[in-house]
C-alpha atoms as a PDB file:
ATOM      1  CA  MET A   1      28.174 -11.705 -15.773  1.00  0.00           C
ATOM      2  CA  ASN A   2      31.639 -12.950 -16.824  1.00  0.00           C
ATOM      3  CA  ALA A   3      31.686 -16.668 -17.781  1.00  0.00           C
ATOM      4  CA  VAL A   4      33.575 -18.889 -15.299  1.00  0.00           C
ATOM      5  CA  LYS A   5      36.877 -20.006 -16.546  1.00  0.00           C
ATOM      6  CA  HIS A   6      37.751 -23.679 -15.937  1.00  0.00           C
ATOM      7  CA  PRO A   7      41.540 -24.625 -15.728  1.00  0.00           C
ATOM      8  CA  ILE A   8      42.744 -27.265 -18.374  1.00  0.00           C
ATOM      9  CA  LYS A   9      43.157 -30.459 -16.573  1.00  0.00           C
ATOM     10  CA  ARG A  10      45.790 -31.855 -18.937  1.00  0.00           C
ATOM     11  CA  SER A  11      47.315 -31.043 -22.231  1.00  0.00           C
ATOM     12  CA  PHE A  12      48.480 -33.599 -24.217  1.00  0.00           C
ATOM     13  CA  VAL A  13      51.063 -34.427 -27.317  1.00  0.00           C
ATOM     14  CA  PHE A  14      50.471 -37.457 -29.417  1.00  0.00           C
ATOM     15  CA  PHE A  15      53.649 -38.152 -31.379  1.00  0.00           C
ATOM     16  CA  LEU A  16      52.769 -40.237 -34.140  1.00  0.00           C
ATOM     17  CA  ILE A  17      55.440 -42.469 -35.614  1.00  0.00           C
ATOM     18  CA  PRO A  18      54.908 -44.128 -39.267  1.00  0.00           C
ATOM     19  CA  ASP A  19      52.538 -47.277 -39.468  1.00  0.00           C
ATOM     20  CA  PHE A  20      51.152 -46.146 -36.248  1.00  0.00           C
ATOM     21  CA  THR A  21      47.931 -48.005 -34.960  1.00  0.00           C
ATOM     22  CA  MET A  22      44.646 -45.955 -35.801  1.00  0.00           C
ATOM     23  CA  ILE A  23      42.552 -47.870 -33.237  1.00  0.00           C
ATOM     24  CA  ALA A  24      44.861 -47.250 -30.231  1.00  0.00           C
ATOM     25  CA  PHE A  25      45.169 -43.579 -31.509  1.00  0.00           C
ATOM     26  CA  ALA A  26      41.385 -42.742 -31.702  1.00  0.00           C
ATOM     27  CA  THR A  27      40.717 -45.004 -28.764  1.00  0.00           C
ATOM     28  CA  ALA A  28      43.101 -42.852 -26.534  1.00  0.00           C
ATOM     29  CA  LEU A  29      41.713 -39.287 -28.152  1.00  0.00           C
ATOM     30  CA  ASP A  30      38.286 -39.740 -28.509  1.00  0.00           C
ATOM     31  CA  PRO A  31      37.764 -40.334 -24.713  1.00  0.00           C
ATOM     32  CA  LEU A  32      39.207 -36.920 -24.000  1.00  0.00           C
ATOM     33  CA  ARG A  33      36.697 -35.356 -26.517  1.00  0.00           C
ATOM     34  CA  SER A  34      33.973 -36.960 -25.097  1.00  0.00           C
ATOM     35  CA  ALA A  35      35.139 -36.164 -21.329  1.00  0.00           C
ATOM     36  CA  ASN A  36      35.084 -32.290 -22.479  1.00  0.00           C
ATOM     37  CA  ARG A  37      31.571 -32.783 -24.312  1.00  0.00           C
ATOM     38  CA  MET A  38      29.937 -34.075 -20.885  1.00  0.00           C
ATOM     39  CA  LEU A  39      31.853 -31.304 -18.690  1.00  0.00           C
ATOM     40  CA  GLY A  40      30.686 -28.694 -20.928  1.00  0.00           C
ATOM     41  CA  TYR A  41      34.218 -26.916 -21.081  1.00  0.00           C
ATOM     42  CA  GLU A  42      37.705 -27.802 -22.331  1.00  0.00           C
ATOM     43  CA  ALA A  43      39.454 -29.831 -19.679  1.00  0.00           C
ATOM     44  CA  TYR A  44      41.545 -31.596 -22.066  1.00  0.00           C
ATOM     45  CA  ARG A  45      43.547 -30.195 -24.868  1.00  0.00           C
ATOM     46  CA  TRP A  46      45.864 -31.757 -27.534  1.00  0.00           C
ATOM     47  CA  ARG A  47      47.844 -31.652 -30.361  1.00  0.00           C
ATOM     48  CA  LEU A  48      49.713 -33.772 -32.718  1.00  0.00           C
ATOM     49  CA  ALA A  49      53.206 -33.961 -33.790  1.00  0.00           C
ATOM     50  CA  SER A  50      55.348 -35.640 -35.847  1.00  0.00           C
ATOM     51  CA  ILE A  51      59.159 -35.523 -36.505  1.00  0.00           C
ATOM     52  CA  ASP A  52      58.973 -32.852 -39.368  1.00  0.00           C
ATOM     53  CA  GLY A  53      55.662 -31.583 -38.921  1.00  0.00           C
ATOM     54  CA  LYS A  54      54.644 -33.405 -41.994  1.00  0.00           C
ATOM     55  CA  PRO A  55      51.468 -35.943 -42.274  1.00  0.00           C
ATOM     56  CA  VAL A  56      52.199 -39.458 -41.118  1.00  0.00           C
ATOM     57  CA  ARG A  57      50.665 -42.819 -42.530  1.00  0.00           C
ATOM     58  CA  ALA A  58      48.932 -45.108 -39.981  1.00  0.00           C
ATOM     59  CA  SER A  59      49.326 -48.964 -40.772  1.00  0.00           C
ATOM     60  CA  ASN A  60      45.564 -48.835 -42.298  1.00  0.00           C
ATOM     61  CA  GLY A  61      46.772 -46.481 -44.996  1.00  0.00           C
ATOM     62  CA  VAL A  62      45.437 -43.033 -43.404  1.00  0.00           C
ATOM     63  CA  GLU A  63      47.273 -40.075 -43.600  1.00  0.00           C
ATOM     64  CA  CYS A  64      46.926 -38.106 -40.500  1.00  0.00           C
ATOM     65  CA  ALA A  65      47.989 -34.402 -40.655  1.00  0.00           C
ATOM     66  CA  VAL A  66      49.757 -33.168 -37.371  1.00  0.00           C
ATOM     67  CA  ASN A  67      49.821 -29.527 -35.751  1.00  0.00           C
ATOM     68  CA  THR A  68      53.732 -29.446 -34.896  1.00  0.00           C
ATOM     69  CA  SER A  69      57.155 -30.627 -35.605  1.00  0.00           C
ATOM     70  CA  LEU A  70      59.633 -31.780 -32.890  1.00  0.00           C
ATOM     71  CA  GLU A  71      61.625 -28.771 -33.155  1.00  0.00           C
ATOM     72  CA  GLU A  72      58.429 -26.710 -32.752  1.00  0.00           C
ATOM     73  CA  GLU A  73      57.611 -28.715 -29.764  1.00  0.00           C
ATOM     74  CA  ARG A  74      61.052 -28.310 -28.334  1.00  0.00           C
ATOM     75  CA  LYS A  75      60.396 -24.532 -28.517  1.00  0.00           C
ATOM     76  CA  LYS A  76      57.082 -24.972 -26.330  1.00  0.00           C
ATOM     77  CA  MET A  77      58.993 -26.567 -23.773  1.00  0.00           C
ATOM     78  CA  ALA A  78      59.579 -23.525 -21.582  1.00  0.00           C
ATOM     79  CA  GLY A  79      56.388 -21.625 -22.231  1.00  0.00           C
ATOM     80  CA  PRO A  80      52.864 -22.054 -21.690  1.00  0.00           C
ATOM     81  CA  ASP A  81      52.260 -24.468 -23.955  1.00  0.00           C
ATOM     82  CA  ARG A  82      54.358 -27.003 -22.612  1.00  0.00           C
ATOM     83  CA  PRO A  83      52.104 -30.235 -22.428  1.00  0.00           C
ATOM     84  CA  ASN A  84      51.378 -32.199 -19.212  1.00  0.00           C
ATOM     85  CA  MET A  85      51.875 -35.478 -21.387  1.00  0.00           C
ATOM     86  CA  ALA A  86      53.788 -36.762 -24.512  1.00  0.00           C
ATOM     87  CA  ILE A  87      52.093 -39.846 -26.107  1.00  0.00           C
ATOM     88  CA  VAL A  88      54.142 -41.669 -28.407  1.00  0.00           C
ATOM     89  CA  CYS A  89      51.719 -43.654 -31.173  1.00  0.00           C
ATOM     90  CA  SER A  90      53.399 -46.456 -32.755  1.00  0.00           C
ATOM     91  CA  GLY A  91      52.476 -49.845 -34.179  1.00  0.00           C
ATOM     92  CA  ILE A  92      54.020 -52.275 -36.610  1.00  0.00           C
ATOM     93  CA  ASN A  93      57.682 -52.185 -37.471  1.00  0.00           C
ATOM     94  CA  VAL A  94      58.445 -50.340 -34.381  1.00  0.00           C
ATOM     95  CA  GLU A  95      61.733 -52.173 -34.321  1.00  0.00           C
ATOM     96  CA  ARG A  96      63.012 -50.720 -37.635  1.00  0.00           C
ATOM     97  CA  TYR A  97      62.525 -47.034 -35.827  1.00  0.00           C
ATOM     98  CA  HIS A  98      65.763 -45.170 -34.844  1.00  0.00           C
ATOM     99  CA  ASN A  99      65.650 -41.619 -34.461  1.00  0.00           C
ATOM    100  CA  LYS A 100      68.090 -40.055 -32.113  1.00  0.00           C
ATOM    101  CA  SER A 101      66.169 -36.594 -32.291  1.00  0.00           C
ATOM    102  CA  ALA A 102      62.874 -38.432 -31.182  1.00  0.00           C
ATOM    103  CA  PHE A 103      64.534 -40.343 -28.122  1.00  0.00           C
ATOM    104  CA  ALA A 104      66.193 -37.043 -27.137  1.00  0.00           C
ATOM    105  CA  TRP A 105      62.891 -35.111 -27.233  1.00  0.00           C
ATOM    106  CA  LEU A 106      61.138 -37.644 -25.070  1.00  0.00           C
ATOM    107  CA  ARG A 107      64.126 -37.465 -22.735  1.00  0.00           C
ATOM    108  CA  GLU A 108      63.778 -33.833 -22.262  1.00  0.00           C
ATOM    109  CA  GLU A 109      60.098 -33.937 -21.839  1.00  0.00           C
ATOM    110  CA  TYR A 110      60.576 -36.401 -19.101  1.00  0.00           C
ATOM    111  CA  ASN A 111      63.155 -34.680 -17.348  1.00  0.00           C
ATOM    112  CA  ARG A 112      61.193 -31.586 -17.349  1.00  0.00           C
ATOM    113  CA  GLY A 113      58.289 -33.286 -15.520  1.00  0.00           C
ATOM    114  CA  VAL A 114      56.255 -34.022 -18.241  1.00  0.00           C
ATOM    115  CA  ALA A 115      54.309 -37.553 -18.314  1.00  0.00           C
ATOM    116  CA  VAL A 116      55.517 -39.819 -20.943  1.00  0.00           C
ATOM    117  CA  GLY A 117      53.018 -42.471 -22.529  1.00  0.00           C
ATOM    118  CA  GLY A 118      53.123 -45.469 -25.270  1.00  0.00           C
ATOM    119  CA  LEU A 119      50.083 -46.906 -27.236  1.00  0.00           C
ATOM    120  CA  CYS A 120      50.571 -50.248 -28.746  1.00  0.00           C
ATOM    121  CA  THR A 121      53.934 -50.866 -29.265  1.00  0.00           C
ATOM    122  CA  GLY A 122      54.812 -47.328 -28.053  1.00  0.00           C
ATOM    123  CA  ALA A 123      56.985 -48.820 -25.099  1.00  0.00           C
ATOM    124  CA  HIS A 124      59.472 -49.540 -27.651  1.00  0.00           C
ATOM    125  CA  ILE A 125      60.380 -46.224 -28.240  1.00  0.00           C
ATOM    126  CA  LEU A 126      60.057 -45.302 -24.758  1.00  0.00           C
ATOM    127  CA  ALA A 127      62.715 -48.102 -24.176  1.00  0.00           C
ATOM    128  CA  ALA A 128      64.853 -47.106 -26.761  1.00  0.00           C
ATOM    129  CA  ALA A 129      64.886 -43.537 -25.250  1.00  0.00           C
ATOM    130  CA  GLY A 130      66.155 -45.046 -22.163  1.00  0.00           C
ATOM    131  CA  LEU A 131      62.771 -44.085 -19.966  1.00  0.00           C
ATOM    132  CA  LEU A 132      61.824 -47.862 -18.973  1.00  0.00           C
ATOM    133  CA  SER A 133      64.693 -49.017 -16.971  1.00  0.00           C
ATOM    134  CA  ASN A 134      63.092 -50.632 -14.109  1.00  0.00           C
ATOM    135  CA  LYS A 135      59.620 -49.458 -14.951  1.00  0.00           C
ATOM    136  CA  ARG A 136      56.689 -51.408 -15.296  1.00  0.00           C
ATOM    137  CA  CYS A 137      55.191 -51.277 -18.606  1.00  0.00           C
ATOM    138  CA  ALA A 138      52.874 -52.893 -21.271  1.00  0.00           C
ATOM    139  CA  ILE A 139      53.136 -53.644 -24.997  1.00  0.00           C
ATOM    140  CA  HIS A 140      51.051 -55.587 -27.645  1.00  0.00           C
ATOM    141  CA  TRP A 141      51.405 -59.291 -26.738  1.00  0.00           C
ATOM    142  CA  GLU A 142      52.730 -60.071 -30.397  1.00  0.00           C
ATOM    143  CA  ASN A 143      55.653 -57.536 -29.582  1.00  0.00           C
ATOM    144  CA  LEU A 144      56.220 -58.766 -26.069  1.00  0.00           C
ATOM    145  CA  PRO A 145      58.911 -61.775 -26.828  1.00  0.00           C
ATOM    146  CA  GLY A 146      61.005 -59.362 -28.709  1.00  0.00           C
ATOM    147  CA  PHE A 147      60.857 -56.537 -26.467  1.00  0.00           C
ATOM    148  CA  SER A 148      61.770 -58.681 -23.521  1.00  0.00           C
ATOM    149  CA  GLU A 149      64.862 -59.669 -25.190  1.00  0.00           C
ATOM    150  CA  ALA A 150      65.915 -56.081 -26.400  1.00  0.00           C
ATOM    151  CA  PHE A 151      65.141 -54.282 -23.176  1.00  0.00           C
ATOM    152  CA  PRO A 152      65.539 -56.775 -20.101  1.00  0.00           C
ATOM    153  CA  LYS A 153      65.809 -53.920 -17.809  1.00  0.00           C
ATOM    154  CA  ALA A 154      62.331 -52.960 -18.682  1.00  0.00           C
ATOM    155  CA  ASN A 155      59.690 -54.710 -16.560  1.00  0.00           C
ATOM    156  CA  VAL A 156      57.111 -55.601 -19.065  1.00  0.00           C
ATOM    157  CA  PHE A 157      53.852 -57.356 -18.756  1.00  0.00           C
ATOM    158  CA  ALA A 158      51.298 -58.908 -20.692  1.00  0.00           C
ATOM    159  CA  ASP A 159      48.502 -56.475 -19.393  1.00  0.00           C
ATOM    160  CA  LEU A 160      46.140 -53.984 -20.978  1.00  0.00           C
ATOM    161  CA  PHE A 161      47.953 -50.990 -19.602  1.00  0.00           C
ATOM    162  CA  GLU A 162      50.541 -49.990 -16.878  1.00  0.00           C
ATOM    163  CA  VAL A 163      51.114 -46.703 -14.951  1.00  0.00           C
ATOM    164  CA  ASP A 164      54.482 -46.506 -13.173  1.00  0.00           C
ATOM    165  CA  GLN A 165      54.976 -42.967 -11.613  1.00  0.00           C
ATOM    166  CA  ASN A 166      55.008 -40.630 -14.571  1.00  0.00           C
ATOM    167  CA  VAL A 167      55.013 -43.140 -17.147  1.00  0.00           C
ATOM    168  CA  TYR A 168      51.656 -44.560 -18.961  1.00  0.00           C
ATOM    169  CA  THR A 169      51.840 -47.444 -21.578  1.00  0.00           C
ATOM    170  CA  CYS A 170      49.103 -49.672 -23.093  1.00  0.00           C
ATOM    171  CA  ALA A 171      48.936 -52.659 -25.196  1.00  0.00           C
ATOM    172  CA  GLY A 172      47.072 -51.051 -28.032  1.00  0.00           C
ATOM    173  CA  GLY A 173      43.929 -51.710 -29.486  1.00  0.00           C
ATOM    174  CA  THR A 174      41.012 -50.830 -27.356  1.00  0.00           C
ATOM    175  CA  ALA A 175      43.218 -50.977 -24.320  1.00  0.00           C
ATOM    176  CA  ALA A 176      43.894 -47.154 -25.009  1.00  0.00           C
ATOM    177  CA  LEU A 177      40.513 -46.620 -24.078  1.00  0.00           C
ATOM    178  CA  ASP A 178      40.634 -48.301 -20.703  1.00  0.00           C
ATOM    179  CA  MET A 179      44.027 -46.575 -20.068  1.00  0.00           C
ATOM    180  CA  MET A 180      42.434 -42.839 -20.812  1.00  0.00           C
ATOM    181  CA  LEU A 181      39.303 -43.576 -18.820  1.00  0.00           C
ATOM    182  CA  LYS A 182      41.476 -44.409 -16.014  1.00  0.00           C
ATOM    183  CA  LEU A 183      43.173 -41.050 -16.340  1.00  0.00           C
ATOM    184  CA  ILE A 184      39.978 -39.237 -16.455  1.00  0.00           C
ATOM    185  CA  GLY A 185      38.588 -41.091 -13.300  1.00  0.00           C
ATOM    186  CA  ASP A 186      41.546 -39.710 -11.551  1.00  0.00           C
ATOM    187  CA  ASP A 187      41.029 -36.432 -12.707  1.00  0.00           C
ATOM    188  CA  PHE A 188      37.444 -36.306 -11.979  1.00  0.00           C
ATOM    189  CA  ASP A 189      35.218 -38.996 -10.781  1.00  0.00           C
ATOM    190  CA  GLU A 190      33.415 -42.243 -11.509  1.00  0.00           C
ATOM    191  CA  SER A 191      30.319 -40.409 -12.643  1.00  0.00           C
ATOM    192  CA  LEU A 192      32.388 -38.757 -15.442  1.00  0.00           C
ATOM    193  CA  VAL A 193      34.007 -42.139 -16.547  1.00  0.00           C
ATOM    194  CA  ASN A 194      30.388 -43.700 -16.800  1.00  0.00           C
ATOM    195  CA  ARG A 195      29.249 -40.778 -18.879  1.00  0.00           C
ATOM    196  CA  VAL A 196      32.047 -41.070 -21.184  1.00  0.00           C
ATOM    197  CA  CYS A 197      31.380 -44.912 -21.357  1.00  0.00           C
ATOM    198  CA  GLU A 198      27.952 -44.346 -22.503  1.00  0.00           C
ATOM    199  CA  GLN A 199      28.978 -42.131 -25.011  1.00  0.00           C
ATOM    200  CA  VAL A 200      31.345 -44.761 -26.434  1.00  0.00           C
ATOM    201  CA  LEU A 201      29.180 -47.660 -25.999  1.00  0.00           C
ATOM    202  CA  THR A 202      31.222 -49.425 -23.652  1.00  0.00           C
ATOM    203  CA  ASP A 203      30.072 -50.999 -20.338  1.00  0.00           C
ATOM    204  CA  ARG A 204      33.090 -51.167 -18.133  1.00  0.00           C
ATOM    205  CA  VAL A 205      36.730 -50.153 -17.430  1.00  0.00           C
ATOM    206  CA  ARG A 206      38.762 -52.789 -17.846  1.00  0.00           C
ATOM    207  CA  SER A 207      41.144 -53.825 -14.922  1.00  0.00           C
ATOM    208  CA  PRO A 208      45.101 -52.958 -15.885  1.00  0.00           C
ATOM    209  CA  THR A 209      45.576 -57.055 -15.574  1.00  0.00           C
ATOM    210  CA  ASP A 210      42.698 -58.238 -17.519  1.00  0.00           C
ATOM    211  CA  ARG A 211      44.103 -60.351 -20.411  1.00  0.00           C
ATOM    212  CA  GLN A 212      45.080 -58.980 -23.802  1.00  0.00           C
ATOM    213  CA  ARG A 213      44.332 -62.569 -25.624  1.00  0.00           C
ATOM    214  CA  LEU A 214      41.446 -64.608 -25.711  1.00  0.00           C
ATOM    215  CA  PRO A 215      41.553 -67.152 -23.119  1.00  0.00           C
ATOM    216  CA  LEU A 216      43.108 -70.520 -24.110  1.00  0.00           C
ATOM    217  CA  ARG A 217      39.493 -72.347 -24.398  1.00  0.00           C
ATOM    218  CA  ALA A 218      38.479 -69.548 -26.792  1.00  0.00           C
ATOM    219  CA  ARG A 219      41.551 -69.240 -28.521  1.00  0.00           C
ATOM    220  CA  LEU A 220      42.147 -73.095 -29.311  1.00  0.00           C
ATOM    221  CA  GLY A 221      38.409 -74.170 -29.186  1.00  0.00           C
ATOM    222  CA  VAL A 222      39.560 -76.643 -26.672  1.00  0.00           C
ATOM    223  CA  GLN A 223      37.395 -77.609 -23.439  1.00  0.00           C
ATOM    224  CA  ASN A 224      39.364 -80.003 -21.556  1.00  0.00           C
ATOM    225  CA  SER A 225      40.975 -78.586 -18.513  1.00  0.00           C
ATOM    226  CA  LYS A 226      43.605 -80.906 -18.217  1.00  0.00           C
ATOM    227  CA  VAL A 227      45.030 -80.025 -21.759  1.00  0.00           C
ATOM    228  CA  LEU A 228      44.603 -76.347 -21.104  1.00  0.00           C
ATOM    229  CA  THR A 229      46.527 -76.476 -17.844  1.00  0.00           C
ATOM    230  CA  ILE A 230      49.164 -78.438 -19.934  1.00  0.00           C
ATOM    231  CA  ILE A 231      49.161 -75.803 -22.581  1.00  0.00           C
ATOM    232  CA  GLU A 232      49.573 -73.039 -20.044  1.00  0.00           C
ATOM    233  CA  LEU A 233      52.491 -74.813 -18.599  1.00  0.00           C
ATOM    234  CA  MET A 234      54.289 -75.151 -21.951  1.00  0.00           C
ATOM    235  CA  GLU A 235      54.096 -71.367 -22.958  1.00  0.00           C
ATOM    236  CA  ALA A 236      55.395 -70.738 -19.604  1.00  0.00           C
ATOM    237  CA  ASN A 237      58.270 -72.560 -20.082  1.00  0.00           C
ATOM    238  CA  LEU A 238      59.710 -71.992 -23.427  1.00  0.00           C
ATOM    239  CA  ALA A 239      63.308 -71.290 -22.835  1.00  0.00           C
ATOM    240  CA  GLU A 240      63.720 -74.213 -20.565  1.00  0.00           C
ATOM    241  CA  PRO A 241      61.374 -76.901 -21.726  1.00  0.00           C
ATOM    242  CA  LEU A 242      59.549 -79.114 -19.387  1.00  0.00           C
ATOM    243  CA  SER A 243      59.856 -82.886 -19.896  1.00  0.00           C
ATOM    244  CA  LEU A 244      56.693 -84.963 -20.398  1.00  0.00           C
ATOM    245  CA  ILE A 245      57.330 -86.635 -16.894  1.00  0.00           C
ATOM    246  CA  GLU A 246      57.651 -83.149 -15.248  1.00  0.00           C
ATOM    247  CA  ILE A 247      54.582 -82.165 -16.795  1.00  0.00           C
ATOM    248  CA  ALA A 248      52.754 -85.280 -15.898  1.00  0.00           C
ATOM    249  CA  ASP A 249      53.644 -84.484 -12.214  1.00  0.00           C
ATOM    250  CA  HIS A 250      52.113 -81.229 -12.553  1.00  0.00           C
ATOM    251  CA  VAL A 251      48.695 -82.250 -13.505  1.00  0.00           C
ATOM    252  CA  ASP A 252      48.561 -85.481 -11.563  1.00  0.00           C
ATOM    253  CA  LEU A 253      48.255 -88.146 -15.243  1.00  0.00           C
ATOM    254  CA  SER A 254      50.464 -90.637 -16.795  1.00  0.00           C
ATOM    255  CA  ARG A 255      52.495 -90.064 -20.004  1.00  0.00           C
ATOM    256  CA  ARG A 256      50.318 -92.368 -21.687  1.00  0.00           C
ATOM    257  CA  GLN A 257      47.173 -90.475 -20.609  1.00  0.00           C
ATOM    258  CA  ILE A 258      48.671 -87.072 -21.664  1.00  0.00           C
ATOM    259  CA  GLU A 259      49.803 -88.604 -25.251  1.00  0.00           C
ATOM    260  CA  ARG A 260      46.141 -89.918 -25.604  1.00  0.00           C
ATOM    261  CA  LEU A 261      44.577 -86.700 -24.504  1.00  0.00           C
ATOM    262  CA  PHE A 262      46.787 -84.468 -27.027  1.00  0.00           C
ATOM    263  CA  ARG A 263      46.192 -87.042 -29.944  1.00  0.00           C
ATOM    264  CA  THR A 264      42.266 -86.525 -29.270  1.00  0.00           C
ATOM    265  CA  GLU A 265      42.113 -82.781 -28.430  1.00  0.00           C
ATOM    266  CA  MET A 266      45.027 -81.452 -30.398  1.00  0.00           C
ATOM    267  CA  GLY A 267      45.836 -83.965 -33.108  1.00  0.00           C
ATOM    268  CA  ARG A 268      49.256 -84.267 -32.257  1.00  0.00           C
ATOM    269  CA  SER A 269      51.549 -85.368 -29.729  1.00  0.00           C
ATOM    270  CA  PRO A 270      52.361 -83.089 -26.707  1.00  0.00           C
ATOM    271  CA  ALA A 271      55.978 -83.355 -27.628  1.00  0.00           C
ATOM    272  CA  ARG A 272      54.904 -81.931 -31.409  1.00  0.00           C
ATOM    273  CA  TYR A 273      52.656 -79.178 -29.924  1.00  0.00           C
ATOM    274  CA  TYR A 274      55.391 -78.067 -27.496  1.00  0.00           C
ATOM    275  CA  LEU A 275      57.869 -77.933 -30.248  1.00  0.00           C
ATOM    276  CA  GLU A 276      55.263 -75.992 -32.599  1.00  0.00           C
ATOM    277  CA  ILE A 277      54.594 -73.151 -29.883  1.00  0.00           C
ATOM    278  CA  ARG A 278      58.548 -72.701 -29.309  1.00  0.00           C
ATOM    279  CA  LEU A 279      59.004 -72.353 -32.959  1.00  0.00           C
ATOM    280  CA  ASP A 280      56.439 -69.742 -32.886  1.00  0.00           C
ATOM    281  CA  ARG A 281      58.084 -67.792 -30.435  1.00  0.00           C
ATOM    282  CA  ALA A 282      61.161 -67.966 -32.232  1.00  0.00           C
ATOM    283  CA  ARG A 283      59.671 -66.700 -35.385  1.00  0.00           C
ATOM    284  CA  HIS A 284      58.521 -63.662 -33.506  1.00  0.00           C
ATOM    285  CA  LEU A 285      61.925 -63.195 -32.293  1.00  0.00           C
ATOM    286  CA  LEU A 286      63.457 -63.429 -35.768  1.00  0.00           C
ATOM    287  CA  ILE A 287      61.141 -61.038 -36.940  1.00  0.00           C
ATOM    288  CA  GLN A 288      60.901 -58.471 -34.533  1.00  0.00           C
ATOM    289  CA  SER A 289      64.507 -58.300 -32.872  1.00  0.00           C
ATOM    290  CA  SER A 290      68.421 -58.479 -34.176  1.00  0.00           C
ATOM    291  CA  LEU A 291      69.242 -61.240 -31.766  1.00  0.00           C
ATOM    292  CA  PRO A 292      71.751 -63.660 -33.491  1.00  0.00           C
ATOM    293  CA  VAL A 293      69.958 -66.949 -34.422  1.00  0.00           C
ATOM    294  CA  VAL A 294      72.140 -68.693 -31.884  1.00  0.00           C
ATOM    295  CA  GLU A 295      70.665 -66.755 -28.981  1.00  0.00           C
ATOM    296  CA  VAL A 296      66.948 -66.976 -30.839  1.00  0.00           C
ATOM    297  CA  ALA A 297      67.492 -70.588 -30.397  1.00  0.00           C
ATOM    298  CA  VAL A 298      68.575 -70.544 -26.891  1.00  0.00           C
ATOM    299  CA  ALA A 299      65.741 -68.101 -25.546  1.00  0.00           C
ATOM    300  CA  CYS A 300      63.304 -70.842 -27.138  1.00  0.00           C
ATOM    301  CA  GLY A 301      64.691 -73.932 -25.736  1.00  0.00           C
ATOM    302  CA  PHE A 302      66.941 -75.353 -28.278  1.00  0.00           C
ATOM    303  CA  VAL A 303      70.497 -76.799 -27.170  1.00  0.00           C
ATOM    304  CA  SER A 304      71.978 -75.871 -30.561  1.00  0.00           C
ATOM    305  CA  ALA A 305      71.299 -73.773 -33.625  1.00  0.00           C
ATOM    306  CA  SER A 306      71.754 -76.394 -36.065  1.00  0.00           C
ATOM    307  CA  HIS A 307      68.890 -78.407 -34.431  1.00  0.00           C
ATOM    308  CA  PHE A 308      66.970 -75.153 -34.114  1.00  0.00           C
ATOM    309  CA  SER A 309      67.437 -74.668 -37.794  1.00  0.00           C
ATOM    310  CA  LYS A 310      66.505 -78.191 -38.954  1.00  0.00           C
ATOM    311  CA  CYS A 311      63.352 -77.878 -36.719  1.00  0.00           C
ATOM    312  CA  TYR A 312      62.402 -74.418 -38.074  1.00  0.00           C
ATOM    313  CA  ARG A 313      62.765 -75.387 -41.688  1.00  0.00           C
ATOM    314  CA  GLU A 314      60.708 -78.793 -41.424  1.00  0.00           C
ATOM    315  CA  LEU A 315      57.895 -76.133 -39.886  1.00  0.00           C
ATOM    316  CA  TYR A 316      58.203 -73.328 -41.995  1.00  0.00           C
ATOM    317  CA  ALA A 317      59.931 -74.464 -45.283  1.00  0.00           C
ATOM    318  CA  ARG A 318      62.575 -71.959 -44.855  1.00  0.00           C
ATOM    319  CA  SER A 319      65.740 -71.531 -42.642  1.00  0.00           C
ATOM    320  CA  PRO A 320      65.838 -69.034 -39.631  1.00  0.00           C
ATOM    321  CA  GLN A 321      67.963 -66.798 -41.825  1.00  0.00           C
ATOM    322  CA  GLN A 322      66.055 -66.816 -44.900  1.00  0.00           C
ATOM    323  CA  GLU A 323      62.930 -65.770 -42.624  1.00  0.00           C
ATOM    324  CA  ARG A 324      65.035 -62.468 -41.777  1.00  0.00           C
ATOM    325  CA  VAL A 325      66.016 -61.960 -45.471  1.00  0.00           C
ATOM    326  CA  ASP A 326      62.440 -62.208 -46.608  1.00  0.00           C
ATOM    327  CA  ARG A 327      61.085 -60.084 -43.994  1.00  0.00           C
ATOM    328  CA  LYS A 328      63.594 -57.557 -44.632  1.00  0.00           C
ATOM    329  CA  GLN A 329      62.684 -57.616 -48.650  1.00  0.00           C
ATOM    330  CA  LEU A 330      58.800 -57.367 -47.331  1.00  0.00           C
ATOM    331  CA  LEU A 331      59.654 -54.263 -45.608  1.00  0.00           C
ATOM    332  CA  ALA A 332      61.634 -52.743 -48.196  1.00  0.00           C
ATOM    333  CA  ALA A 333      59.081 -53.380 -50.928  1.00  0.00           C
END
């Protein structure tokens, strides 16, 4: 008897960018391998690509060999080896990546009906290629401030992953596993997803809207619910900071009570804490975006660049301009 031929469900191209995040790449690819093993046939097929077909170094220093270059991928577009999905794998320093050939290839794939995806900071590459205008997307929380400023037309969320029609993005880390498990569930059923979960030792598929970061209670080691609510208010209002009176009205406390709570729980005044989280946001923008310093200041709630620079220097012992110089020198080393 002839063996039963099972159709390929999906074929993938994983496009590796220098300094890509290995954990996101591995947790995206390995569920596909596990699904094939559980099914007993090759439902999923993949290959790895780089701009020139040469190995690519991940952010952890491991070099990964690839199967194809983008030139070879272009030749496959019109043939039987055209992929169903092209996934960008990137990581740190993504804001430095500007390759018109890669952007054009992604647009060509998308325009031919190929789904596109981004792992970790891959949404940055997709947005730079012009593929995320008015699209929901997810990116690693650390890169979200700079991404939002650089690509205001993209609807970015601090979610684990987002699927908007033919565009798949995830925040990296183990969120890639959740996104791929959802894809496998869409192609097959919950039974296969559960079997893959058992293989990779995870007990559930997280919801796309599950939080990326630890809850404030765990992250800060603070138990007081009023303090946590106030900090959430502060983090949600960085560009236009709330006054202490407005915060007091939100949480039904007096200014004096809030002052005492913060001195006890956080070891500083609420005004000082608010300033520090605004400056932390500013530092991320300085490192991850090319926004002028004055625009960074405005985005973080400062009325003047001079006041912003003074506060920044007091906290970090260097000016915003020097922060950028130091970053460039570190990257060039």
